[in-house]
Amino acid sequence: VGVSRDPVARQAEFSRRHGFDFPLLSDVDGRVAEAFGVRRRLPLGPLSTRRMTFVIGSDRRVLAVVHSELDMNGHADEALRVLGG
């Protein structure tokens, strides 16, 4: 699952354009960002949240947290590594 502050229509277009086979959720009000601690103290417009990936196991435990503002592929690579793939 991917989550961002973008509205639903923008998420749908982004997903379609990139051929994602997983859901993208819209967190326009920032409640999910706040709950996961990724909201910036000083909002920077579209950069109001930090780019982070949480790898969550089937038992609902967080297995890893990937931090990188610039390396999106690194997020996927690390998540797959943690999951053994």
PDB file of N, CA and C in Angstrom:
ATOM      1  N   VAL A   1       0.848  -1.172   0.000  1.00  0.00           N
ATOM      2  CA  VAL A   1       0.000   0.000   0.000  1.00  0.00           C
ATOM      3  C   VAL A   1       0.891   1.231   0.000  1.00  0.00           C
ATOM      4  N   GLY A   2       0.553   2.188  -0.811  1.00  0.00           N
ATOM      5  CA  GLY A   2       1.247   3.469  -0.806  1.00  0.00           C
ATOM      6  C   GLY A   2       0.311   4.531  -0.268  1.00  0.00           C
ATOM      7  N   VAL A   3       0.869   5.503   0.448  1.00  0.00           N
ATOM      8  CA  VAL A   3       0.057   6.579   1.026  1.00  0.00           C
ATOM      9  C   VAL A   3       0.744   7.900   0.730  1.00  0.00           C
ATOM     10  N   SER A   4      -0.030   8.894   0.310  1.00  0.00           N
ATOM     11  CA  SER A   4       0.519  10.235   0.155  1.00  0.00           C
ATOM     12  C   SER A   4      -0.565  11.253   0.450  1.00  0.00           C
ATOM     13  N   ARG A   5      -0.169  12.510   0.510  1.00  0.00           N
ATOM     14  CA  ARG A   5      -1.113  13.594   0.791  1.00  0.00           C
ATOM     15  C   ARG A   5      -1.881  14.019  -0.459  1.00  0.00           C
ATOM     16  N   ASP A   6      -1.582  13.419  -1.606  1.00  0.00           N
ATOM     17  CA  ASP A   6      -2.268  13.776  -2.849  1.00  0.00           C
ATOM     18  C   ASP A   6      -3.742  13.365  -2.800  1.00  0.00           C
ATOM     19  N   PRO A   7      -4.610  14.128  -3.492  1.00  0.00           N
ATOM     20  CA  PRO A   7      -6.031  13.764  -3.549  1.00  0.00           C
ATOM     21  C   PRO A   7      -6.230  12.451  -4.337  1.00  0.00           C
ATOM     22  N   VAL A   8      -7.378  11.834  -4.146  1.00  0.00           N
ATOM     23  CA  VAL A   8      -7.688  10.539  -4.747  1.00  0.00           C
ATOM     24  C   VAL A   8      -7.499  10.550  -6.266  1.00  0.00           C
ATOM     25  N   ALA A   9      -7.998  11.570  -6.955  1.00  0.00           N
ATOM     26  CA  ALA A   9      -7.894  11.611  -8.421  1.00  0.00           C
ATOM     27  C   ALA A   9      -6.430  11.612  -8.868  1.00  0.00           C
ATOM     28  N   ARG A  10      -5.596  12.349  -8.167  1.00  0.00           N
ATOM     29  CA  ARG A  10      -4.175  12.392  -8.529  1.00  0.00           C
ATOM     30  C   ARG A  10      -3.499  11.047  -8.253  1.00  0.00           C
ATOM     31  N   GLN A  11      -3.865  10.403  -7.139  1.00  0.00           N
ATOM     32  CA  GLN A  11      -3.335   9.075  -6.821  1.00  0.00           C
ATOM     33  C   GLN A  11      -3.722   8.082  -7.919  1.00  0.00           C
ATOM     34  N   ALA A  12      -4.985   8.122  -8.347  1.00  0.00           N
ATOM     35  CA  ALA A  12      -5.472   7.203  -9.378  1.00  0.00           C
ATOM     36  C   ALA A  12      -4.705   7.393 -10.680  1.00  0.00           C
ATOM     37  N   GLU A  13      -4.481   8.632 -11.078  1.00  0.00           N
ATOM     38  CA  GLU A  13      -3.733   8.915 -12.308  1.00  0.00           C
ATOM     39  C   GLU A  13      -2.289   8.429 -12.186  1.00  0.00           C
ATOM     40  N   PHE A  14      -1.647   8.685 -11.069  1.00  0.00           N
ATOM     41  CA  PHE A  14      -0.266   8.254 -10.832  1.00  0.00           C
ATOM     42  C   PHE A  14      -0.166   6.728 -10.902  1.00  0.00           C
ATOM     43  N   SER A  15      -1.111   6.044 -10.274  1.00  0.00           N
ATOM     44  CA  SER A  15      -1.134   4.581 -10.271  1.00  0.00           C
ATOM     45  C   SER A  15      -1.320   4.043 -11.686  1.00  0.00           C
ATOM     46  N   ARG A  16      -2.255   4.627 -12.429  1.00  0.00           N
ATOM     47  CA  ARG A  16      -2.514   4.196 -13.806  1.00  0.00           C
ATOM     48  C   ARG A  16      -1.289   4.409 -14.677  1.00  0.00           C
ATOM     49  N   ARG A  17      -0.671   5.575 -14.560  1.00  0.00           N
ATOM     50  CA  ARG A  17       0.490   5.927 -15.382  1.00  0.00           C
ATOM     51  C   ARG A  17       1.668   4.979 -15.139  1.00  0.00           C
ATOM     52  N   HIS A  18       1.832   4.546 -13.903  1.00  0.00           N
ATOM     53  CA  HIS A  18       2.977   3.689 -13.568  1.00  0.00           C
ATOM     54  C   HIS A  18       2.632   2.203 -13.490  1.00  0.00           C
ATOM     55  N   GLY A  19       1.367   1.855 -13.734  1.00  0.00           N
ATOM     56  CA  GLY A  19       0.952   0.456 -13.761  1.00  0.00           C
ATOM     57  C   GLY A  19       1.082  -0.255 -12.428  1.00  0.00           C
ATOM     58  N   PHE A  20       0.819   0.446 -11.332  1.00  0.00           N
ATOM     59  CA  PHE A  20       0.934  -0.167 -10.007  1.00  0.00           C
ATOM     60  C   PHE A  20      -0.124  -1.253  -9.827  1.00  0.00           C
ATOM     61  N   ASP A  21       0.258  -2.330  -9.161  1.00  0.00           N
ATOM     62  CA  ASP A  21      -0.692  -3.406  -8.865  1.00  0.00           C
ATOM     63  C   ASP A  21      -0.991  -3.464  -7.370  1.00  0.00           C
ATOM     64  N   PHE A  22      -0.870  -2.316  -6.708  1.00  0.00           N
ATOM     65  CA  PHE A  22      -1.188  -2.212  -5.285  1.00  0.00           C
ATOM     66  C   PHE A  22      -1.929  -0.893  -5.064  1.00  0.00           C
ATOM     67  N   PRO A  23      -2.716  -0.816  -4.006  1.00  0.00           N
ATOM     68  CA  PRO A  23      -3.507   0.393  -3.781  1.00  0.00           C
ATOM     69  C   PRO A  23      -2.669   1.581  -3.310  1.00  0.00           C
ATOM     70  N   LEU A  24      -3.068   2.757  -3.756  1.00  0.00           N
ATOM     71  CA  LEU A  24      -2.512   4.016  -3.268  1.00  0.00           C
ATOM     72  C   LEU A  24      -3.616   4.720  -2.494  1.00  0.00           C
ATOM     73  N   LEU A  25      -3.318   5.106  -1.287  1.00  0.00           N
ATOM     74  CA  LEU A  25      -4.306   5.746  -0.435  1.00  0.00           C
ATOM     75  C   LEU A  25      -4.016   7.233  -0.300  1.00  0.00           C
ATOM     76  N   SER A  26      -5.079   8.012  -0.212  1.00  0.00           N
ATOM     77  CA  SER A  26      -4.972   9.454  -0.092  1.00  0.00           C
ATOM     78  C   SER A  26      -5.119   9.870   1.366  1.00  0.00           C
ATOM     79  N   ASP A  27      -4.133  10.638   1.849  1.00  0.00           N
ATOM     80  CA  ASP A  27      -4.123  11.122   3.237  1.00  0.00           C
ATOM     81  C   ASP A  27      -4.119  12.648   3.229  1.00  0.00           C
ATOM     82  N   VAL A  28      -5.128  13.214   2.602  1.00  0.00           N
ATOM     83  CA  VAL A  28      -5.187  14.659   2.391  1.00  0.00           C
ATOM     84  C   VAL A  28      -5.103  15.431   3.704  1.00  0.00           C
ATOM     85  N   ASP A  29      -5.741  14.933   4.758  1.00  0.00           N
ATOM     86  CA  ASP A  29      -5.732  15.663   6.023  1.00  0.00           C
ATOM     87  C   ASP A  29      -4.496  15.368   6.875  1.00  0.00           C
ATOM     88  N   GLY A  30      -3.648  14.429   6.456  1.00  0.00           N
ATOM     89  CA  GLY A  30      -2.388  14.169   7.133  1.00  0.00           C
ATOM     90  C   GLY A  30      -2.469  13.321   8.391  1.00  0.00           C
ATOM     91  N   ARG A  31      -3.616  12.702   8.651  1.00  0.00           N
ATOM     92  CA  ARG A  31      -3.748  11.901   9.873  1.00  0.00           C
ATOM     93  C   ARG A  31      -2.851  10.654   9.861  1.00  0.00           C
ATOM     94  N   VAL A  32      -2.733  10.006   8.711  1.00  0.00           N
ATOM     95  CA  VAL A  32      -1.868   8.821   8.622  1.00  0.00           C
ATOM     96  C   VAL A  32      -0.409   9.254   8.778  1.00  0.00           C
ATOM     97  N   ALA A  33      -0.027  10.341   8.112  1.00  0.00           N
ATOM     98  CA  ALA A  33       1.343  10.861   8.235  1.00  0.00           C
ATOM     99  C   ALA A  33       1.668  11.172   9.690  1.00  0.00           C
ATOM    100  N   GLU A  34       0.734  11.761  10.378  1.00  0.00           N
ATOM    101  CA  GLU A  34       0.943  12.087  11.792  1.00  0.00           C
ATOM    102  C   GLU A  34       1.102  10.812  12.620  1.00  0.00           C
ATOM    103  N   ALA A  35       0.246   9.828  12.377  1.00  0.00           N
ATOM    104  CA  ALA A  35       0.289   8.574  13.144  1.00  0.00           C
ATOM    105  C   ALA A  35       1.615   7.825  12.944  1.00  0.00           C
ATOM    106  N   PHE A  36       2.190   7.917  11.736  1.00  0.00           N
ATOM    107  CA  PHE A  36       3.445   7.219  11.446  1.00  0.00           C
ATOM    108  C   PHE A  36       4.679   8.090  11.687  1.00  0.00           C
ATOM    109  N   GLY A  37       4.466   9.314  12.139  1.00  0.00           N
ATOM    110  CA  GLY A  37       5.584  10.183  12.479  1.00  0.00           C
ATOM    111  C   GLY A  37       6.391  10.684  11.298  1.00  0.00           C
ATOM    112  N   VAL A  38       5.753  10.845  10.148  1.00  0.00           N
ATOM    113  CA  VAL A  38       6.487  11.307   8.966  1.00  0.00           C
ATOM    114  C   VAL A  38       6.133  12.745   8.577  1.00  0.00           C
ATOM    115  N   ARG A  39       5.297  13.377   9.343  1.00  0.00           N
ATOM    116  CA  ARG A  39       4.932  14.773   9.075  1.00  0.00           C
ATOM    117  C   ARG A  39       6.077  15.681   9.512  1.00  0.00           C
ATOM    118  N   ARG A  40       6.440  16.621   8.667  1.00  0.00           N
ATOM    119  CA  ARG A  40       7.509  17.567   8.997  1.00  0.00           C
ATOM    120  C   ARG A  40       6.993  18.603   9.998  1.00  0.00           C
ATOM    121  N   ARG A  41       7.877  19.065  10.873  1.00  0.00           N
ATOM    122  CA  ARG A  41       7.490  20.109  11.838  1.00  0.00           C
ATOM    123  C   ARG A  41       7.144  21.405  11.126  1.00  0.00           C
ATOM    124  N   LEU A  42       7.968  21.762  10.153  1.00  0.00           N
ATOM    125  CA  LEU A  42       7.712  22.959   9.348  1.00  0.00           C
ATOM    126  C   LEU A  42       7.319  22.512   7.953  1.00  0.00           C
ATOM    127  N   PRO A  43       6.018  22.531   7.626  1.00  0.00           N
ATOM    128  CA  PRO A  43       5.567  22.063   6.313  1.00  0.00           C
ATOM    129  C   PRO A  43       6.251  22.820   5.174  1.00  0.00           C
ATOM    130  N   LEU A  44       6.626  22.075   4.157  1.00  0.00           N
ATOM    131  CA  LEU A  44       7.289  22.648   2.985  1.00  0.00           C
ATOM    132  C   LEU A  44       6.430  22.445   1.741  1.00  0.00           C
ATOM    133  N   GLY A  45       5.160  22.810   1.823  1.00  0.00           N
ATOM    134  CA  GLY A  45       4.253  22.642   0.688  1.00  0.00           C
ATOM    135  C   GLY A  45       4.110  21.179   0.331  1.00  0.00           C
ATOM    136  N   PRO A  46       4.457  20.795  -0.910  1.00  0.00           N
ATOM    137  CA  PRO A  46       4.307  19.398  -1.310  1.00  0.00           C
ATOM    138  C   PRO A  46       5.244  18.462  -0.550  1.00  0.00           C
ATOM    139  N   LEU A  47       6.230  19.021   0.149  1.00  0.00           N
ATOM    140  CA  LEU A  47       7.169  18.211   0.922  1.00  0.00           C
ATOM    141  C   LEU A  47       6.814  18.235   2.408  1.00  0.00           C
ATOM    142  N   SER A  48       5.522  18.228   2.700  1.00  0.00           N
ATOM    143  CA  SER A  48       5.089  18.319   4.093  1.00  0.00           C
ATOM    144  C   SER A  48       5.292  17.018   4.866  1.00  0.00           C
ATOM    145  N   THR A  49       5.602  15.946   4.149  1.00  0.00           N
ATOM    146  CA  THR A  49       5.900  14.671   4.803  1.00  0.00           C
ATOM    147  C   THR A  49       7.240  14.142   4.304  1.00  0.00           C
ATOM    148  N   ARG A  50       7.897  13.367   5.155  1.00  0.00           N
ATOM    149  CA  ARG A  50       9.159  12.738   4.768  1.00  0.00           C
ATOM    150  C   ARG A  50       8.855  11.454   4.000  1.00  0.00           C
ATOM    151  N   ARG A  51       9.681  11.145   2.996  1.00  0.00           N
ATOM    152  CA  ARG A  51       9.509   9.908   2.225  1.00  0.00           C
ATOM    153  C   ARG A  51      10.085   8.760   3.044  1.00  0.00           C
ATOM    154  N   MET A  52       9.208   7.865   3.467  1.00  0.00           N
ATOM    155  CA  MET A  52       9.624   6.710   4.263  1.00  0.00           C
ATOM    156  C   MET A  52       8.820   5.497   3.829  1.00  0.00           C
ATOM    157  N   THR A  53       9.439   4.338   3.938  1.00  0.00           N
ATOM    158  CA  THR A  53       8.763   3.074   3.654  1.00  0.00           C
ATOM    159  C   THR A  53       8.787   2.241   4.921  1.00  0.00           C
ATOM    160  N   PHE A  54       7.616   1.758   5.306  1.00  0.00           N
ATOM    161  CA  PHE A  54       7.493   0.871   6.452  1.00  0.00           C
ATOM    162  C   PHE A  54       7.199  -0.522   5.921  1.00  0.00           C
ATOM    163  N   VAL A  55       8.068  -1.471   6.219  1.00  0.00           N
ATOM    164  CA  VAL A  55       7.849  -2.856   5.824  1.00  0.00           C
ATOM    165  C   VAL A  55       7.158  -3.517   7.015  1.00  0.00           C
ATOM    166  N   ILE A  56       5.928  -3.971   6.793  1.00  0.00           N
ATOM    167  CA  ILE A  56       5.113  -4.511   7.876  1.00  0.00           C
ATOM    168  C   ILE A  56       4.835  -5.981   7.595  1.00  0.00           C
ATOM    169  N   GLY A  57       5.127  -6.826   8.585  1.00  0.00           N
ATOM    170  CA  GLY A  57       4.934  -8.259   8.447  1.00  0.00           C
ATOM    171  C   GLY A  57       3.479  -8.661   8.595  1.00  0.00           C
ATOM    172  N   SER A  58       3.185  -9.916   8.266  1.00  0.00           N
ATOM    173  CA  SER A  58       1.813 -10.416   8.360  1.00  0.00           C
ATOM    174  C   SER A  58       1.307 -10.427   9.804  1.00  0.00           C
ATOM    175  N   ASP A  59       2.227 -10.351  10.761  1.00  0.00           N
ATOM    176  CA  ASP A  59       1.831 -10.279  12.173  1.00  0.00           C
ATOM    177  C   ASP A  59       1.651  -8.830  12.635  1.00  0.00           C
ATOM    178  N   ARG A  60       1.713  -7.885  11.683  1.00  0.00           N
ATOM    179  CA  ARG A  60       1.498  -6.455  11.906  1.00  0.00           C
ATOM    180  C   ARG A  60       2.660  -5.757  12.604  1.00  0.00           C
ATOM    181  N   ARG A  61       3.808  -6.429  12.726  1.00  0.00           N
ATOM    182  CA  ARG A  61       4.984  -5.788  13.304  1.00  0.00           C
ATOM    183  C   ARG A  61       5.762  -5.072  12.203  1.00  0.00           C
ATOM    184  N   VAL A  62       6.348  -3.933  12.546  1.00  0.00           N
ATOM    185  CA  VAL A  62       7.199  -3.209  11.605  1.00  0.00           C
ATOM    186  C   VAL A  62       8.541  -3.928  11.543  1.00  0.00           C
ATOM    187  N   LEU A  63       8.886  -4.438  10.357  1.00  0.00           N
ATOM    188  CA  LEU A  63      10.125  -5.181  10.155  1.00  0.00           C
ATOM    189  C   LEU A  63      11.288  -4.276   9.799  1.00  0.00           C
ATOM    190  N   ALA A  64      10.989  -3.167   9.140  1.00  0.00           N
ATOM    191  CA  ALA A  64      12.042  -2.233   8.731  1.00  0.00           C
ATOM    192  C   ALA A  64      11.412  -0.895   8.386  1.00  0.00           C
ATOM    193  N   VAL A  65      12.226   0.146   8.517  1.00  0.00           N
ATOM    194  CA  VAL A  65      11.831   1.485   8.094  1.00  0.00           C
ATOM    195  C   VAL A  65      12.931   1.990   7.180  1.00  0.00           C
ATOM    196  N   VAL A  66      12.563   2.368   5.964  1.00  0.00           N
ATOM    197  CA  VAL A  66      13.530   2.842   4.977  1.00  0.00           C
ATOM    198  C   VAL A  66      13.386   4.352   4.860  1.00  0.00           C
ATOM    199  N   HIS A  67      14.490   5.082   5.080  1.00  0.00           N
ATOM    200  CA  HIS A  67      14.510   6.546   5.001  1.00  0.00           C
ATOM    201  C   HIS A  67      15.334   6.941   3.777  1.00  0.00           C
ATOM    202  N   SER A  68      14.753   7.669   2.869  1.00  0.00           N
ATOM    203  CA  SER A  68      15.502   8.288   1.773  1.00  0.00           C
ATOM    204  C   SER A  68      14.570   9.247   1.062  1.00  0.00           C
ATOM    205  N   GLU A  69      14.975  10.473   0.974  1.00  0.00           N
ATOM    206  CA  GLU A  69      14.167  11.473   0.287  1.00  0.00           C
ATOM    207  C   GLU A  69      14.327  11.394  -1.227  1.00  0.00           C
ATOM    208  N   LEU A  70      15.454  10.826  -1.686  1.00  0.00           N
ATOM    209  CA  LEU A  70      15.759  10.884  -3.113  1.00  0.00           C
ATOM    210  C   LEU A  70      15.757   9.540  -3.835  1.00  0.00           C
ATOM    211  N   ASP A  71      16.055   8.454  -3.137  1.00  0.00           N
ATOM    212  CA  ASP A  71      16.235   7.162  -3.788  1.00  0.00           C
ATOM    213  C   ASP A  71      14.986   6.292  -3.683  1.00  0.00           C
ATOM    214  N   MET A  72      14.011   6.532  -4.573  1.00  0.00           N
ATOM    215  CA  MET A  72      12.766   5.765  -4.531  1.00  0.00           C
ATOM    216  C   MET A  72      13.011   4.285  -4.817  1.00  0.00           C
ATOM    217  N   ASN A  73      13.905   3.977  -5.737  1.00  0.00           N
ATOM    218  CA  ASN A  73      14.196   2.573  -6.042  1.00  0.00           C
ATOM    219  C   ASN A  73      14.828   1.881  -4.840  1.00  0.00           C
ATOM    220  N   GLY A  74      15.614   2.615  -4.078  1.00  0.00           N
ATOM    221  CA  GLY A  74      16.218   2.061  -2.876  1.00  0.00           C
ATOM    222  C   GLY A  74      15.177   1.608  -1.868  1.00  0.00           C
ATOM    223  N   HIS A  75      14.044   2.319  -1.812  1.00  0.00           N
ATOM    224  CA  HIS A  75      12.954   1.920  -0.922  1.00  0.00           C
ATOM    225  C   HIS A  75      12.450   0.530  -1.307  1.00  0.00           C
ATOM    226  N   ALA A  76      12.184   0.349  -2.577  1.00  0.00           N
ATOM    227  CA  ALA A  76      11.682  -0.947  -3.050  1.00  0.00           C
ATOM    228  C   ALA A  76      12.721  -2.043  -2.862  1.00  0.00           C
ATOM    229  N   ASP A  77      13.962  -1.741  -3.204  1.00  0.00           N
ATOM    230  CA  ASP A  77      15.031  -2.742  -3.064  1.00  0.00           C
ATOM    231  C   ASP A  77      15.178  -3.202  -1.622  1.00  0.00           C
ATOM    232  N   GLU A  78      15.183  -2.263  -0.685  1.00  0.00           N
ATOM    233  CA  GLU A  78      15.355  -2.608   0.719  1.00  0.00           C
ATOM    234  C   GLU A  78      14.141  -3.369   1.251  1.00  0.00           C
ATOM    235  N   ALA A  79      12.940  -2.952   0.857  1.00  0.00           N
ATOM    236  CA  ALA A  79      11.730  -3.655   1.297  1.00  0.00           C
ATOM    237  C   ALA A  79      11.749  -5.101   0.815  1.00  0.00           C
ATOM    238  N   LEU A  80      12.117  -5.307  -0.433  1.00  0.00           N
ATOM    239  CA  LEU A  80      12.202  -6.665  -0.964  1.00  0.00           C
ATOM    240  C   LEU A  80      13.267  -7.487  -0.262  1.00  0.00           C
ATOM    241  N   ARG A  81      14.398  -6.847   0.057  1.00  0.00           N
ATOM    242  CA  ARG A  81      15.474  -7.553   0.764  1.00  0.00           C
ATOM    243  C   ARG A  81      14.983  -8.026   2.140  1.00  0.00           C
ATOM    244  N   VAL A  82      14.297  -7.139   2.859  1.00  0.00           N
ATOM    245  CA  VAL A  82      13.789  -7.482   4.181  1.00  0.00           C
ATOM    246  C   VAL A  82      12.775  -8.625   4.097  1.00  0.00           C
ATOM    247  N   LEU A  83      11.976  -8.620   3.042  1.00  0.00           N
ATOM    248  CA  LEU A  83      10.970  -9.649   2.875  1.00  0.00           C
ATOM    249  C   LEU A  83      11.519 -10.941   2.272  1.00  0.00           C
ATOM    250  N   GLY A  84      12.820 -10.941   1.964  1.00  0.00           N
ATOM    251  CA  GLY A  84      13.444 -12.150   1.436  1.00  0.00           C
ATOM    252  C   GLY A  84      13.252 -12.353  -0.045  1.00  0.00           C
ATOM    253  N   GLY A  85      12.947 -11.269  -0.769  1.00  0.00           N
ATOM    254  CA  GLY A  85      12.679 -11.413  -2.196  1.00  0.00           C
ATOM    255  C   GLY A  85      13.698 -10.849  -3.084  1.00  0.00           C
TER     256      GLY A  85
END
